[in-house]
Amino acid sequence: MTYVISSACVDVMHKSCVPECPVDCIYEGARSLYINPDECVDCGACKLACEEGAIYFETDLPDDERGHLADNAAFFTEVLPGRDAPLGSPGGAAKLGAVGADTPLVAGMPPR
């Protein structure tokens, strides 16, 4: 189980959730943030801090946001544009920095 960042984060990225994550598992794409499901410890601190209300526990995702569950995981398991390999579990977003790419779902969304 994990927390998931929904479409409400796309093109907004307040990043109020990032410093609240005790395991540094919220990574920055070009237009959205992504929670690494392998690194998330399900504490919920990010959800409480999110200014957009964009973070849900995976079983609480609204039906129209369900696609973000697989998409959030794909950010770490698929090769993103401009990268040679999947991100995997880098062990912390701070040391990796902004990735500068998004999954096809997020990249294909209209600008906000």
N, C-alpha and C. Protein backbone atom coordinates (compact mmCIF):
# COMPACT_ATOMS: atom_id res chain seq x y z
N MET A 1 0.84 -1.18 0.00
CA MET A 1 0.00 0.00 0.00
C MET A 1 0.88 1.25 0.00
N THR A 2 0.34 2.31 -0.53
CA THR A 2 1.11 3.55 -0.62
C THR A 2 0.18 4.74 -0.78
N TYR A 3 0.74 5.90 -0.68
CA TYR A 3 0.02 7.13 -0.99
C TYR A 3 0.30 7.48 -2.44
N VAL A 4 -0.64 8.19 -3.05
CA VAL A 4 -0.58 8.50 -4.47
C VAL A 4 -0.88 9.98 -4.68
N ILE A 5 -0.15 10.60 -5.59
CA ILE A 5 -0.39 12.00 -5.92
C ILE A 5 -1.27 12.04 -7.16
N SER A 6 -2.36 12.76 -7.06
CA SER A 6 -3.37 12.81 -8.12
C SER A 6 -3.13 13.98 -9.09
N SER A 7 -4.06 14.14 -10.02
CA SER A 7 -3.95 15.18 -11.05
C SER A 7 -3.98 16.59 -10.48
N ALA A 8 -4.46 16.77 -9.27
CA ALA A 8 -4.51 18.12 -8.67
C ALA A 8 -3.12 18.73 -8.49
N CYS A 9 -2.08 17.91 -8.53
CA CYS A 9 -0.71 18.40 -8.38
C CYS A 9 -0.11 18.88 -9.70
N VAL A 10 -0.64 18.41 -10.81
CA VAL A 10 -0.06 18.71 -12.13
C VAL A 10 -0.05 20.22 -12.36
N ASP A 11 1.11 20.72 -12.69
CA ASP A 11 1.37 22.14 -12.97
C ASP A 11 1.22 23.04 -11.74
N VAL A 12 1.05 22.47 -10.57
CA VAL A 12 0.92 23.26 -9.34
C VAL A 12 2.16 23.06 -8.47
N MET A 13 2.42 21.85 -8.07
CA MET A 13 3.58 21.44 -7.27
C MET A 13 3.98 22.44 -6.19
N HIS A 14 3.11 22.64 -5.21
CA HIS A 14 3.46 23.51 -4.08
C HIS A 14 4.66 22.97 -3.31
N LYS A 15 4.79 21.67 -3.30
CA LYS A 15 5.89 20.95 -2.62
C LYS A 15 5.80 21.06 -1.10
N SER A 16 4.65 21.44 -0.56
CA SER A 16 4.50 21.50 0.89
C SER A 16 4.60 20.11 1.52
N CYS A 17 4.37 19.08 0.73
CA CYS A 17 4.45 17.70 1.21
C CYS A 17 5.89 17.22 1.35
N VAL A 18 6.78 17.73 0.52
CA VAL A 18 8.14 17.21 0.43
C VAL A 18 8.89 17.25 1.76
N PRO A 19 8.95 18.39 2.45
CA PRO A 19 9.71 18.40 3.71
C PRO A 19 9.07 17.57 4.83
N GLU A 20 7.80 17.24 4.68
CA GLU A 20 7.10 16.46 5.71
C GLU A 20 7.37 14.96 5.60
N CYS A 21 7.86 14.50 4.45
CA CYS A 21 8.10 13.07 4.24
C CYS A 21 9.34 12.62 5.01
N PRO A 22 9.17 11.73 5.99
CA PRO A 22 10.32 11.32 6.80
C PRO A 22 11.31 10.42 6.07
N VAL A 23 10.92 9.87 4.92
CA VAL A 23 11.81 8.97 4.18
C VAL A 23 12.22 9.54 2.82
N ASP A 24 11.88 10.80 2.54
CA ASP A 24 12.31 11.50 1.33
C ASP A 24 11.93 10.73 0.06
N CYS A 25 10.65 10.29 -0.01
CA CYS A 25 10.23 9.46 -1.15
C CYS A 25 9.33 10.19 -2.14
N ILE A 26 9.28 11.52 -2.09
CA ILE A 26 8.46 12.30 -3.02
C ILE A 26 9.40 12.94 -4.04
N TYR A 27 9.30 12.47 -5.27
CA TYR A 27 10.21 12.86 -6.34
C TYR A 27 9.55 13.87 -7.27
N GLU A 28 10.37 14.72 -7.87
CA GLU A 28 9.86 15.80 -8.72
C GLU A 28 10.05 15.48 -10.20
N GLY A 29 8.93 15.43 -10.91
CA GLY A 29 8.97 15.32 -12.36
C GLY A 29 8.96 16.72 -12.95
N ALA A 30 8.64 16.83 -14.22
CA ALA A 30 8.59 18.15 -14.86
C ALA A 30 7.33 18.92 -14.48
N ARG A 31 6.19 18.21 -14.36
CA ARG A 31 4.91 18.88 -14.11
C ARG A 31 4.21 18.40 -12.85
N SER A 32 4.71 17.36 -12.22
CA SER A 32 4.03 16.78 -11.06
C SER A 32 5.05 16.14 -10.13
N LEU A 33 4.60 15.87 -8.92
CA LEU A 33 5.38 15.11 -7.95
C LEU A 33 4.90 13.67 -7.96
N TYR A 34 5.76 12.75 -7.55
CA TYR A 34 5.44 11.33 -7.54
C TYR A 34 5.96 10.70 -6.26
N ILE A 35 5.18 9.80 -5.65
CA ILE A 35 5.59 9.09 -4.45
C ILE A 35 6.10 7.72 -4.84
N ASN A 36 7.31 7.40 -4.42
CA ASN A 36 7.89 6.09 -4.73
C ASN A 36 7.22 5.04 -3.85
N PRO A 37 6.44 4.11 -4.45
CA PRO A 37 5.71 3.13 -3.64
C PRO A 37 6.63 2.15 -2.90
N ASP A 38 7.85 1.97 -3.37
CA ASP A 38 8.78 1.08 -2.69
C ASP A 38 9.45 1.74 -1.49
N GLU A 39 9.46 3.05 -1.45
CA GLU A 39 10.10 3.77 -0.37
C GLU A 39 9.11 4.34 0.64
N CYS A 40 7.85 4.51 0.25
CA CYS A 40 6.82 5.08 1.12
C CYS A 40 6.56 4.16 2.31
N VAL A 41 6.46 4.75 3.50
CA VAL A 41 6.19 3.98 4.72
C VAL A 41 4.76 4.18 5.22
N ASP A 42 3.91 4.76 4.38
CA ASP A 42 2.48 4.92 4.67
C ASP A 42 2.18 5.72 5.94
N CYS A 43 2.99 6.73 6.22
CA CYS A 43 2.76 7.50 7.45
C CYS A 43 1.66 8.54 7.29
N GLY A 44 1.43 9.01 6.06
CA GLY A 44 0.38 10.00 5.81
C GLY A 44 0.76 11.44 6.07
N ALA A 45 2.00 11.70 6.43
CA ALA A 45 2.42 13.08 6.69
C ALA A 45 2.27 13.96 5.45
N CYS A 46 2.54 13.39 4.30
CA CYS A 46 2.43 14.16 3.04
C CYS A 46 0.99 14.58 2.78
N LYS A 47 0.06 13.68 3.02
CA LYS A 47 -1.36 13.97 2.78
C LYS A 47 -1.82 15.15 3.63
N LEU A 48 -1.42 15.17 4.87
CA LEU A 48 -1.80 16.25 5.78
C LEU A 48 -1.20 17.59 5.37
N ALA A 49 -0.02 17.57 4.77
CA ALA A 49 0.67 18.80 4.41
C ALA A 49 0.30 19.33 3.02
N CYS A 50 -0.32 18.51 2.20
CA CYS A 50 -0.59 18.90 0.81
C CYS A 50 -1.59 20.05 0.73
N GLU A 51 -1.15 21.17 0.18
CA GLU A 51 -1.99 22.37 0.06
C GLU A 51 -3.09 22.22 -0.99
N GLU A 52 -2.95 21.29 -1.92
CA GLU A 52 -3.91 21.10 -3.00
C GLU A 52 -4.90 19.96 -2.71
N GLY A 53 -4.68 19.20 -1.66
CA GLY A 53 -5.52 18.03 -1.40
C GLY A 53 -5.33 16.98 -2.49
N ALA A 54 -4.12 16.89 -3.03
CA ALA A 54 -3.82 16.02 -4.17
C ALA A 54 -3.36 14.63 -3.78
N ILE A 55 -3.15 14.37 -2.51
CA ILE A 55 -2.58 13.09 -2.08
C ILE A 55 -3.65 12.24 -1.40
N TYR A 56 -3.71 10.99 -1.85
CA TYR A 56 -4.69 10.02 -1.33
C TYR A 56 -3.98 8.72 -0.97
N PHE A 57 -4.52 8.03 0.04
CA PHE A 57 -4.09 6.66 0.25
C PHE A 57 -4.67 5.88 -0.93
N GLU A 58 -3.95 4.93 -1.45
CA GLU A 58 -4.34 4.29 -2.71
C GLU A 58 -5.76 3.74 -2.71
N THR A 59 -6.25 3.25 -1.60
CA THR A 59 -7.61 2.70 -1.57
C THR A 59 -8.67 3.80 -1.48
N ASP A 60 -8.25 5.05 -1.26
CA ASP A 60 -9.18 6.17 -1.16
C ASP A 60 -9.21 7.05 -2.42
N LEU A 61 -8.46 6.66 -3.44
CA LEU A 61 -8.45 7.45 -4.68
C LEU A 61 -9.84 7.53 -5.28
N PRO A 62 -10.29 8.71 -5.66
CA PRO A 62 -11.58 8.81 -6.36
C PRO A 62 -11.50 8.03 -7.68
N ASP A 63 -12.63 7.55 -8.15
CA ASP A 63 -12.66 6.74 -9.37
C ASP A 63 -11.97 7.44 -10.55
N ASP A 64 -12.18 8.74 -10.69
CA ASP A 64 -11.59 9.45 -11.82
C ASP A 64 -10.09 9.70 -11.67
N GLU A 65 -9.51 9.30 -10.54
CA GLU A 65 -8.07 9.45 -10.30
C GLU A 65 -7.37 8.09 -10.24
N ARG A 66 -8.09 7.01 -10.42
CA ARG A 66 -7.53 5.66 -10.29
C ARG A 66 -6.32 5.41 -11.20
N GLY A 67 -6.30 6.05 -12.36
CA GLY A 67 -5.18 5.88 -13.28
C GLY A 67 -3.85 6.35 -12.71
N HIS A 68 -3.91 7.21 -11.71
CA HIS A 68 -2.68 7.72 -11.11
C HIS A 68 -1.98 6.71 -10.21
N LEU A 69 -2.68 5.68 -9.79
CA LEU A 69 -2.03 4.65 -8.97
C LEU A 69 -0.94 3.94 -9.78
N ALA A 70 -1.30 3.41 -10.93
CA ALA A 70 -0.32 2.73 -11.78
C ALA A 70 0.67 3.73 -12.36
N ASP A 71 0.18 4.92 -12.69
CA ASP A 71 1.03 5.94 -13.28
C ASP A 71 2.11 6.38 -12.31
N ASN A 72 1.75 6.56 -11.04
CA ASN A 72 2.71 6.96 -10.02
C ASN A 72 3.84 5.93 -9.92
N ALA A 73 3.48 4.65 -9.93
CA ALA A 73 4.48 3.58 -9.88
C ALA A 73 5.32 3.55 -11.14
N ALA A 74 4.69 3.84 -12.30
CA ALA A 74 5.40 3.80 -13.58
C ALA A 74 6.53 4.84 -13.63
N PHE A 75 6.39 5.92 -12.89
CA PHE A 75 7.45 6.93 -12.85
C PHE A 75 8.77 6.30 -12.42
N PHE A 76 8.71 5.25 -11.62
CA PHE A 76 9.91 4.61 -11.10
C PHE A 76 10.29 3.32 -11.83
N THR A 77 9.33 2.72 -12.52
CA THR A 77 9.59 1.42 -13.14
C THR A 77 9.77 1.46 -14.66
N GLU A 78 9.37 2.54 -15.31
CA GLU A 78 9.50 2.65 -16.76
C GLU A 78 10.58 3.67 -17.11
N VAL A 79 11.12 3.55 -18.30
CA VAL A 79 12.11 4.51 -18.77
C VAL A 79 11.37 5.79 -19.18
N LEU A 80 11.71 6.89 -18.55
CA LEU A 80 11.09 8.18 -18.84
C LEU A 80 11.84 8.87 -19.98
N PRO A 81 11.16 9.78 -20.68
CA PRO A 81 11.84 10.51 -21.76
C PRO A 81 13.12 11.19 -21.27
N GLY A 82 14.18 11.03 -22.04
CA GLY A 82 15.45 11.65 -21.70
C GLY A 82 16.30 10.87 -20.71
N ARG A 83 15.83 9.68 -20.32
CA ARG A 83 16.59 8.86 -19.36
C ARG A 83 16.97 7.54 -20.02
N ASP A 84 18.03 6.91 -19.54
CA ASP A 84 18.52 5.66 -20.11
C ASP A 84 17.93 4.43 -19.45
N ALA A 85 17.46 4.59 -18.22
CA ALA A 85 16.97 3.44 -17.45
C ALA A 85 15.89 3.92 -16.48
N PRO A 86 15.09 3.00 -15.96
CA PRO A 86 14.10 3.39 -14.95
C PRO A 86 14.78 3.96 -13.71
N LEU A 87 14.09 4.80 -12.98
CA LEU A 87 14.65 5.37 -11.75
C LEU A 87 14.84 4.32 -10.68
N GLY A 88 13.91 3.36 -10.60
CA GLY A 88 13.97 2.36 -9.54
C GLY A 88 13.73 3.01 -8.20
N SER A 89 14.51 2.61 -7.21
CA SER A 89 14.43 3.19 -5.87
C SER A 89 15.77 3.84 -5.55
N PRO A 90 15.92 5.11 -5.93
CA PRO A 90 17.21 5.78 -5.74
C PRO A 90 17.59 6.02 -4.29
N GLY A 91 16.65 5.85 -3.36
CA GLY A 91 16.98 6.02 -1.95
C GLY A 91 16.92 7.45 -1.47
N GLY A 92 16.10 8.25 -2.09
CA GLY A 92 15.92 9.62 -1.62
C GLY A 92 15.84 10.62 -2.75
N ALA A 93 14.80 11.41 -2.71
CA ALA A 93 14.56 12.40 -3.76
C ALA A 93 15.55 13.55 -3.70
N ALA A 94 15.97 13.94 -2.51
CA ALA A 94 16.85 15.09 -2.36
C ALA A 94 18.17 14.88 -3.08
N LYS A 95 18.75 13.69 -2.94
CA LYS A 95 20.04 13.46 -3.58
C LYS A 95 19.90 13.31 -5.10
N LEU A 96 18.73 12.88 -5.59
CA LEU A 96 18.51 12.73 -7.03
C LEU A 96 18.22 14.07 -7.69
N GLY A 97 17.41 14.90 -7.03
CA GLY A 97 17.02 16.18 -7.61
C GLY A 97 15.86 16.03 -8.58
N ALA A 98 15.50 17.11 -9.21
CA ALA A 98 14.38 17.09 -10.16
C ALA A 98 14.72 16.20 -11.35
N VAL A 99 13.76 15.38 -11.75
CA VAL A 99 13.97 14.44 -12.84
C VAL A 99 13.78 15.13 -14.19
N GLY A 100 12.87 16.08 -14.27
CA GLY A 100 12.68 16.82 -15.50
C GLY A 100 11.88 16.10 -16.56
N ALA A 101 11.20 15.03 -16.19
CA ALA A 101 10.35 14.26 -17.11
C ALA A 101 9.13 13.77 -16.35
N ASP A 102 8.11 13.40 -17.09
CA ASP A 102 6.89 12.87 -16.49
C ASP A 102 6.48 11.59 -17.20
N THR A 103 5.54 10.91 -16.59
CA THR A 103 4.95 9.73 -17.21
C THR A 103 4.06 10.18 -18.37
N PRO A 104 3.74 9.29 -19.30
CA PRO A 104 2.87 9.66 -20.42
C PRO A 104 1.52 10.23 -19.97
N LEU A 105 0.93 9.70 -18.90
CA LEU A 105 -0.36 10.20 -18.43
C LEU A 105 -0.27 11.67 -18.07
N VAL A 106 0.69 12.02 -17.25
CA VAL A 106 0.86 13.42 -16.80
C VAL A 106 1.31 14.30 -17.97
N ALA A 107 2.27 13.83 -18.75
CA ALA A 107 2.77 14.62 -19.88
C ALA A 107 1.66 14.94 -20.88
N GLY A 108 0.70 14.04 -21.01
CA GLY A 108 -0.38 14.24 -21.96
C GLY A 108 -1.55 15.05 -21.45
N MET A 109 -1.52 15.45 -20.19
CA MET A 109 -2.62 16.25 -19.64
C MET A 109 -2.51 17.69 -20.14
N PRO A 110 -3.65 18.35 -20.36
CA PRO A 110 -3.60 19.75 -20.80
C PRO A 110 -3.02 20.62 -19.70
N PRO A 111 -2.32 21.70 -20.05
CA PRO A 111 -1.77 22.61 -19.04
C PRO A 111 -2.89 23.22 -18.19
N ARG A 112 -2.58 23.49 -16.96
CA ARG A 112 -3.54 24.13 -16.05
C ARG A 112 -3.42 25.62 -16.14
